[in-house]
Amino acid sequence: MSRPPTFVPPPCASARTLRTTRGDFAVLDAVPAAGVLRRGTVLLLPGFTGSKEDFIALLEPLAAAGYRAVTVDGRGQYETPGPDDVSAYAQEELARDVLAQAAALSENTGGNSPATGKNAPAPLHLLGHSLGGQIARAAVLLDPGPFASLTLMSSGPAAIVPVQQTRARMLADALATLSMAEVWQAMRAMEPPPPQEAETGADVEGDADGSEALRARWLLHSPAQLIATGRQLSTEPDRVAELAALPLPKHVISGERDDTWPVPLLDDMARRLDAHRTVIHGAEHSPNTDRPAETAAALIGFWRPTA
């Protein structure tokens, strides 16, 4: 579970509703300040059990570099409600949501050409973290047209490693019989906060280790969404060859350690995709929260040549 440093948006960002043809989605929308050259828009998709706040530490540096950054709760995630029917969270349904979000953003965003400074259609870059990466991949395979690039962050070519498959299966079994509050208590008993958080007193919405904010987020997740997407992560086929065939700039970024997809597997995926490859030193499965400054710099460096 990603642990954002705060759930409070920075001054450049606002919490709002993105209205699309497939429903409304809760987003954090960060915009560059007046006078900053607008270079494009970035749509960021969170991972399993995560939310839009997982990218919160990236918003200021991305906006300062000229990118409108929109991070979204998908259907059934945190502040975006979703149905109780597991079938509503089929991967194609989630991918079509992303295409609808892209269309809505394209309707109300503009940019400046870095070459001329004149108004021009703003490029839309897509980034998905972990589960969000596999949903992003499914979206561009349905229709790559809306996107200027695809970044897969800590998101592998196929199913998660067997130990994580076991954990996803255990979670699904628990969600079938227990309340979200009871499952949270069980998870906290099994996985106490990392020692470094206790030592530094990381502040998430005022509580010492962020547990209250994280619990509040967990309780708003749809159990059906967690069950469905956990199964997807455990059974996802290798679609790298399909993705490689798309003439879309691609970026594979990860930490130097990953317990969900081994880093050598991500290296190989990047090679098969002929993708730009970035390893964030000192980061693990969530470089967006582990090393946000370095992660933002790597993303900006990749996007600017595509502008």
Protein backbone atom coordinates (compact mmCIF):
# COMPACT_ATOMS: atom_id res chain seq x y z
CA MET A 1 0.00 0.00 0.00
CA SER A 2 1.43 3.35 -1.02
CA ARG A 3 1.74 5.84 1.83
CA PRO A 4 1.51 9.44 0.59
CA PRO A 5 3.24 12.01 2.79
CA THR A 6 -0.04 13.91 3.16
CA PHE A 7 -3.62 13.85 1.95
CA VAL A 8 -3.69 17.67 1.68
CA PRO A 9 -3.22 18.96 -1.90
CA PRO A 10 -0.48 21.54 -2.52
CA PRO A 11 -1.52 25.12 -3.35
CA CYS A 12 -1.26 24.46 -7.09
CA ALA A 13 -3.87 21.70 -6.91
CA SER A 14 -7.55 21.45 -6.16
CA ALA A 15 -9.83 18.53 -5.42
CA ARG A 16 -12.68 18.43 -7.90
CA THR A 17 -14.95 16.18 -9.95
CA LEU A 18 -14.04 15.23 -13.51
CA ARG A 19 -17.28 14.68 -15.41
CA THR A 20 -17.10 12.18 -18.28
CA THR A 21 -19.41 10.21 -20.52
CA ARG A 22 -18.85 7.21 -18.24
CA GLY A 23 -19.53 8.95 -14.96
CA ASP A 24 -17.88 11.28 -12.49
CA PHE A 25 -14.41 10.75 -11.05
CA ALA A 26 -12.73 12.39 -8.06
CA VAL A 27 -9.45 14.02 -9.07
CA LEU A 28 -6.70 16.28 -7.84
CA ASP A 29 -6.04 18.83 -10.58
CA ALA A 30 -2.73 20.70 -10.43
CA VAL A 31 -2.18 23.55 -12.88
CA PRO A 32 0.93 25.57 -13.72
CA ALA A 33 1.06 29.09 -12.36
CA ALA A 34 0.32 32.08 -14.58
CA GLY A 35 3.25 32.83 -16.84
CA VAL A 36 4.60 29.27 -16.82
CA LEU A 37 4.87 27.77 -20.30
CA ARG A 38 2.18 25.08 -20.62
CA ARG A 39 3.78 21.92 -21.94
CA GLY A 40 0.90 19.46 -21.68
CA THR A 41 -1.33 17.45 -19.40
CA VAL A 42 -0.55 14.30 -17.45
CA LEU A 43 -3.20 11.76 -16.39
CA LEU A 44 -2.00 9.64 -13.46
CA LEU A 45 -3.62 6.32 -12.46
CA PRO A 46 -2.98 4.86 -8.98
CA GLY A 47 -2.36 1.24 -8.08
CA PHE A 48 -4.09 -1.51 -6.14
CA THR A 49 -5.53 -0.23 -2.81
CA GLY A 50 -4.21 3.23 -3.72
CA SER A 51 -5.76 6.55 -4.64
CA LYS A 52 -5.09 9.85 -6.35
CA GLU A 53 -3.18 11.03 -3.27
CA ASP A 54 -0.38 8.56 -4.05
CA PHE A 55 0.91 11.13 -6.59
CA ILE A 56 0.45 14.15 -4.35
CA ALA A 57 4.19 14.79 -3.89
CA LEU A 58 4.65 14.93 -7.69
CA LEU A 59 2.07 17.65 -8.29
CA GLU A 60 4.11 20.76 -7.43
CA PRO A 61 7.24 19.83 -9.44
CA LEU A 62 5.14 18.76 -12.44
CA ALA A 63 3.11 21.96 -12.38
CA ALA A 64 6.26 24.05 -11.95
CA ALA A 65 7.65 22.39 -15.09
CA GLY A 66 4.56 23.40 -17.07
CA TYR A 67 2.43 20.27 -16.85
CA ARG A 68 -1.16 20.16 -15.74
CA ALA A 69 -1.22 17.02 -13.57
CA VAL A 70 -4.53 15.24 -12.98
CA THR A 71 -4.50 12.26 -10.66
CA VAL A 72 -7.70 10.25 -10.47
CA ASP A 73 -9.57 7.81 -8.26
CA GLY A 74 -10.89 5.13 -10.60
CA ARG A 75 -14.33 3.67 -10.14
CA GLY A 76 -14.59 2.09 -6.70
CA GLN A 77 -11.38 3.74 -5.47
CA TYR A 78 -11.53 6.04 -2.44
CA GLU A 79 -13.65 9.10 -3.35
CA THR A 80 -15.07 7.75 -6.62
CA PRO A 81 -18.01 5.48 -5.79
CA GLY A 82 -18.50 2.24 -7.66
CA PRO A 83 -21.09 -0.55 -7.89
CA ASP A 84 -21.06 -3.68 -5.77
CA ASP A 85 -20.94 -5.93 -8.85
CA VAL A 86 -17.49 -7.42 -9.47
CA SER A 87 -18.17 -7.51 -13.22
CA ALA A 88 -18.27 -3.69 -13.26
CA TYR A 89 -14.50 -3.73 -12.66
CA ALA A 90 -13.48 -5.85 -15.64
CA GLN A 91 -10.22 -4.51 -17.02
CA GLU A 92 -11.81 -3.35 -20.28
CA GLU A 93 -14.41 -1.36 -18.33
CA LEU A 94 -11.67 0.35 -16.33
CA ALA A 95 -9.70 1.00 -19.53
CA ARG A 96 -12.73 2.60 -21.17
CA ASP A 97 -13.07 4.83 -18.11
CA VAL A 98 -9.53 6.05 -18.77
CA LEU A 99 -10.39 6.85 -22.38
CA ALA A 100 -13.42 8.81 -21.18
CA GLN A 101 -11.24 10.70 -18.70
CA ALA A 102 -8.78 11.50 -21.48
CA ALA A 103 -11.61 12.80 -23.67
CA ALA A 104 -12.93 15.00 -20.87
CA LEU A 105 -9.48 16.46 -20.23
CA SER A 106 -8.91 17.11 -23.91
CA GLU A 107 -12.15 19.08 -24.07
CA ASN A 108 -11.15 21.55 -21.37
CA THR A 109 -7.40 21.88 -21.62
CA GLY A 110 -5.11 23.80 -23.90
CA GLY A 111 -1.45 24.52 -24.15
CA ASN A 112 1.27 26.55 -25.77
CA SER A 113 3.59 25.25 -28.41
CA PRO A 114 7.12 25.32 -26.94
CA ALA A 115 8.34 26.32 -30.41
CA THR A 116 5.95 29.23 -31.03
CA GLY A 117 4.31 30.01 -27.69
CA LYS A 118 0.96 30.00 -29.48
CA ASN A 119 -2.11 28.04 -28.48
CA ALA A 120 -1.99 24.44 -29.64
CA PRO A 121 -3.58 21.17 -28.55
CA ALA A 122 -1.89 20.15 -25.32
CA PRO A 123 -0.25 16.71 -25.46
CA LEU A 124 -1.78 14.25 -23.01
CA HIS A 125 0.65 11.88 -21.31
CA LEU A 126 -0.66 8.75 -19.54
CA LEU A 127 1.02 7.26 -16.46
CA GLY A 128 -0.09 4.24 -14.47
CA HIS A 129 1.42 2.91 -11.26
CA SER A 130 1.31 -0.87 -10.66
CA LEU A 131 -2.32 -1.92 -11.29
CA GLY A 132 -2.82 1.51 -12.86
CA GLY A 133 -0.08 0.67 -15.35
CA GLN A 134 -1.87 -2.44 -16.53
CA ILE A 135 -5.13 -0.49 -16.87
CA ALA A 136 -3.24 2.23 -18.77
CA ARG A 137 -1.78 -0.42 -21.07
CA ALA A 138 -5.26 -1.80 -21.74
CA ALA A 139 -6.51 1.71 -22.51
CA VAL A 140 -3.84 2.48 -25.12
CA LEU A 141 -4.31 -0.94 -26.69
CA LEU A 142 -7.98 -0.04 -27.15
CA ASP A 143 -7.15 3.42 -28.53
CA PRO A 144 -3.69 5.00 -28.44
CA GLY A 145 -4.93 8.10 -30.26
CA PRO A 146 -5.52 10.42 -27.28
CA PHE A 147 -2.07 9.94 -25.80
CA ALA A 148 1.34 11.45 -26.50
CA SER A 149 3.18 8.86 -24.39
CA LEU A 150 2.73 6.00 -21.92
CA THR A 151 4.66 5.59 -18.67
CA LEU A 152 4.48 2.31 -16.77
CA MET A 153 5.59 2.88 -13.17
CA SER A 154 6.44 -0.28 -11.22
CA SER A 155 4.03 -2.17 -13.46
CA GLY A 156 5.11 -5.43 -15.00
CA PRO A 157 4.48 -7.38 -18.19
CA ALA A 158 2.11 -9.98 -16.78
CA ALA A 159 0.88 -11.35 -13.42
CA ILE A 160 2.37 -10.36 -10.08
CA VAL A 161 4.80 -12.73 -8.37
CA PRO A 162 3.32 -15.83 -6.67
CA VAL A 163 3.69 -14.53 -3.11
CA GLN A 164 1.68 -11.44 -4.04
CA GLN A 165 -0.89 -13.61 -5.80
CA THR A 166 -1.34 -15.46 -2.50
CA ARG A 167 -1.82 -12.18 -0.66
CA ALA A 168 -4.39 -10.99 -3.20
CA ARG A 169 -6.28 -14.27 -2.85
CA MET A 170 -6.22 -14.02 0.94
CA LEU A 171 -7.55 -10.47 0.74
CA ALA A 172 -10.38 -11.53 -1.57
CA ASP A 173 -11.32 -14.36 0.80
CA ALA A 174 -11.35 -11.96 3.73
CA LEU A 175 -13.44 -9.38 1.89
CA ALA A 176 -16.02 -12.04 1.10
CA THR A 177 -16.77 -12.60 4.79
CA LEU A 178 -15.54 -9.59 6.79
CA SER A 179 -16.29 -5.87 6.76
CA MET A 180 -13.77 -3.39 5.44
CA ALA A 181 -13.10 -2.25 9.00
CA GLU A 182 -12.42 -5.81 10.15
CA VAL A 183 -10.10 -6.46 7.22
CA TRP A 184 -8.22 -3.23 8.01
CA GLN A 185 -7.67 -4.35 11.59
CA ALA A 186 -6.38 -7.70 10.39
CA MET A 187 -3.98 -6.06 7.91
CA ARG A 188 -2.65 -3.67 10.54
CA ALA A 189 -2.02 -6.58 12.90
CA MET A 190 -0.06 -8.39 10.19
CA GLU A 191 1.78 -5.35 8.82
CA PRO A 192 2.65 -2.70 11.41
CA PRO A 193 3.85 0.68 10.10
CA PRO A 194 7.40 0.58 8.71
CA PRO A 195 10.01 1.38 11.39
CA GLN A 196 11.24 4.49 9.55
CA GLU A 197 7.78 6.05 9.82
CA ALA A 198 7.72 5.60 13.57
CA GLU A 199 11.21 7.09 13.81
CA THR A 200 10.51 10.14 11.66
CA GLY A 201 6.94 10.71 12.79
CA ALA A 202 5.65 11.02 9.21
CA ASP A 203 2.61 13.27 9.30
CA VAL A 204 -0.43 12.31 7.24
CA GLU A 205 -3.38 14.52 8.14
CA GLY A 206 -2.07 15.06 11.63
CA ASP A 207 -1.67 11.49 12.92
CA ALA A 208 1.81 10.28 13.69
CA ASP A 209 2.11 7.43 11.20
CA GLY A 210 -0.72 8.33 8.83
CA SER A 211 -2.82 5.38 9.92
CA GLU A 212 -6.07 7.31 10.37
CA ALA A 213 -5.95 8.85 6.90
CA LEU A 214 -4.99 5.54 5.38
CA ARG A 215 -7.82 3.81 7.26
CA ALA A 216 -10.32 6.41 6.06
CA ARG A 217 -9.18 5.81 2.48
CA TRP A 218 -9.41 2.04 2.88
CA LEU A 219 -12.96 2.18 4.25
CA LEU A 220 -14.18 4.05 1.15
CA HIS A 221 -12.78 1.51 -1.31
CA SER A 222 -15.28 -0.84 -2.92
CA PRO A 223 -14.70 -4.46 -1.85
CA ALA A 224 -15.88 -5.56 -5.31
CA GLN A 225 -13.21 -3.38 -6.93
CA LEU A 226 -10.49 -4.85 -4.73
CA ILE A 227 -11.61 -8.42 -5.40
CA ALA A 228 -11.85 -7.89 -9.16
CA THR A 229 -8.57 -6.03 -9.58
CA GLY A 230 -6.72 -8.43 -7.27
CA ARG A 231 -7.77 -11.24 -9.59
CA GLN A 232 -6.65 -9.24 -12.60
CA LEU A 233 -3.21 -8.69 -11.11
CA SER A 234 -2.92 -12.42 -10.45
CA THR A 235 -3.95 -13.54 -13.94
CA GLU A 236 -2.81 -10.75 -16.27
CA PRO A 237 -1.34 -12.15 -19.51
CA ASP A 238 1.85 -10.86 -21.10
CA ARG A 239 0.75 -8.19 -23.61
CA VAL A 240 4.16 -6.64 -24.21
CA ALA A 241 4.30 -7.63 -27.88
CA GLU A 242 0.94 -5.96 -28.52
CA LEU A 243 2.10 -2.79 -26.78
CA ALA A 244 5.47 -2.79 -28.54
CA ALA A 245 3.65 -2.67 -31.87
CA LEU A 246 2.15 0.73 -31.04
CA PRO A 247 4.22 3.72 -32.27
CA LEU A 248 3.84 5.47 -28.93
CA PRO A 249 6.78 6.72 -26.82
CA LYS A 250 7.06 4.48 -23.77
CA HIS A 251 8.79 4.82 -20.42
CA VAL A 252 9.36 2.12 -17.80
CA ILE A 253 10.21 3.57 -14.40
CA SER A 254 10.68 1.77 -11.09
CA GLY A 255 12.59 1.74 -7.86
CA GLU A 256 15.77 -0.26 -7.48
CA ARG A 257 13.86 -2.93 -5.53
CA ASP A 258 10.36 -4.25 -6.14
CA ASP A 259 8.49 -7.04 -4.37
CA THR A 260 5.65 -7.17 -6.90
CA TRP A 261 7.54 -7.52 -10.19
CA PRO A 262 11.31 -8.18 -9.94
CA VAL A 263 13.39 -5.33 -11.34
CA PRO A 264 15.17 -7.60 -13.88
CA LEU A 265 11.71 -8.44 -15.26
CA LEU A 266 10.99 -4.72 -15.65
CA ASP A 267 14.37 -4.25 -17.34
CA ASP A 268 13.51 -6.98 -19.83
CA MET A 269 10.06 -5.51 -20.45
CA ALA A 270 11.62 -2.13 -21.23
CA ARG A 271 13.98 -3.79 -23.70
CA ARG A 272 11.11 -5.62 -25.41
CA LEU A 273 9.17 -2.35 -25.65
CA ASP A 274 12.20 -0.36 -26.82
CA ALA A 275 11.19 1.96 -23.99
CA HIS A 276 13.07 4.62 -22.08
CA ARG A 277 14.14 3.04 -18.76
CA THR A 278 14.59 4.80 -15.41
CA VAL A 279 15.55 3.25 -12.08
CA ILE A 280 15.05 5.53 -9.06
CA HIS A 281 17.75 4.75 -6.52
CA GLY A 282 16.59 4.49 -2.93
CA ALA A 283 13.01 3.69 -4.02
CA GLU A 284 11.02 0.47 -3.98
CA HIS A 285 7.57 -0.28 -5.43
CA SER A 286 6.33 3.31 -5.10
CA PRO A 287 9.00 5.75 -6.34
CA ASN A 288 6.25 8.39 -6.47
CA THR A 289 6.14 8.38 -2.66
CA ASP A 290 9.64 7.05 -1.85
CA ARG A 291 11.63 9.55 -3.95
CA PRO A 292 9.18 12.07 -5.44
CA ALA A 293 11.71 14.74 -6.46
CA GLU A 294 13.86 12.29 -8.38
CA THR A 295 10.78 10.64 -9.89
CA ALA A 296 9.32 13.95 -11.06
CA ALA A 297 12.65 14.94 -12.64
CA ALA A 298 12.81 11.65 -14.54
CA LEU A 299 9.24 12.03 -15.81
CA ILE A 300 9.80 15.60 -16.96
CA GLY A 301 12.99 14.59 -18.72
CA PHE A 302 11.09 11.91 -20.64
CA TRP A 303 8.07 14.05 -21.57
CA ARG A 304 9.87 17.17 -22.77
CA PRO A 305 11.43 15.59 -25.87
CA THR A 306 7.96 14.35 -26.90
CA ALA A 307 6.43 17.87 -26.70
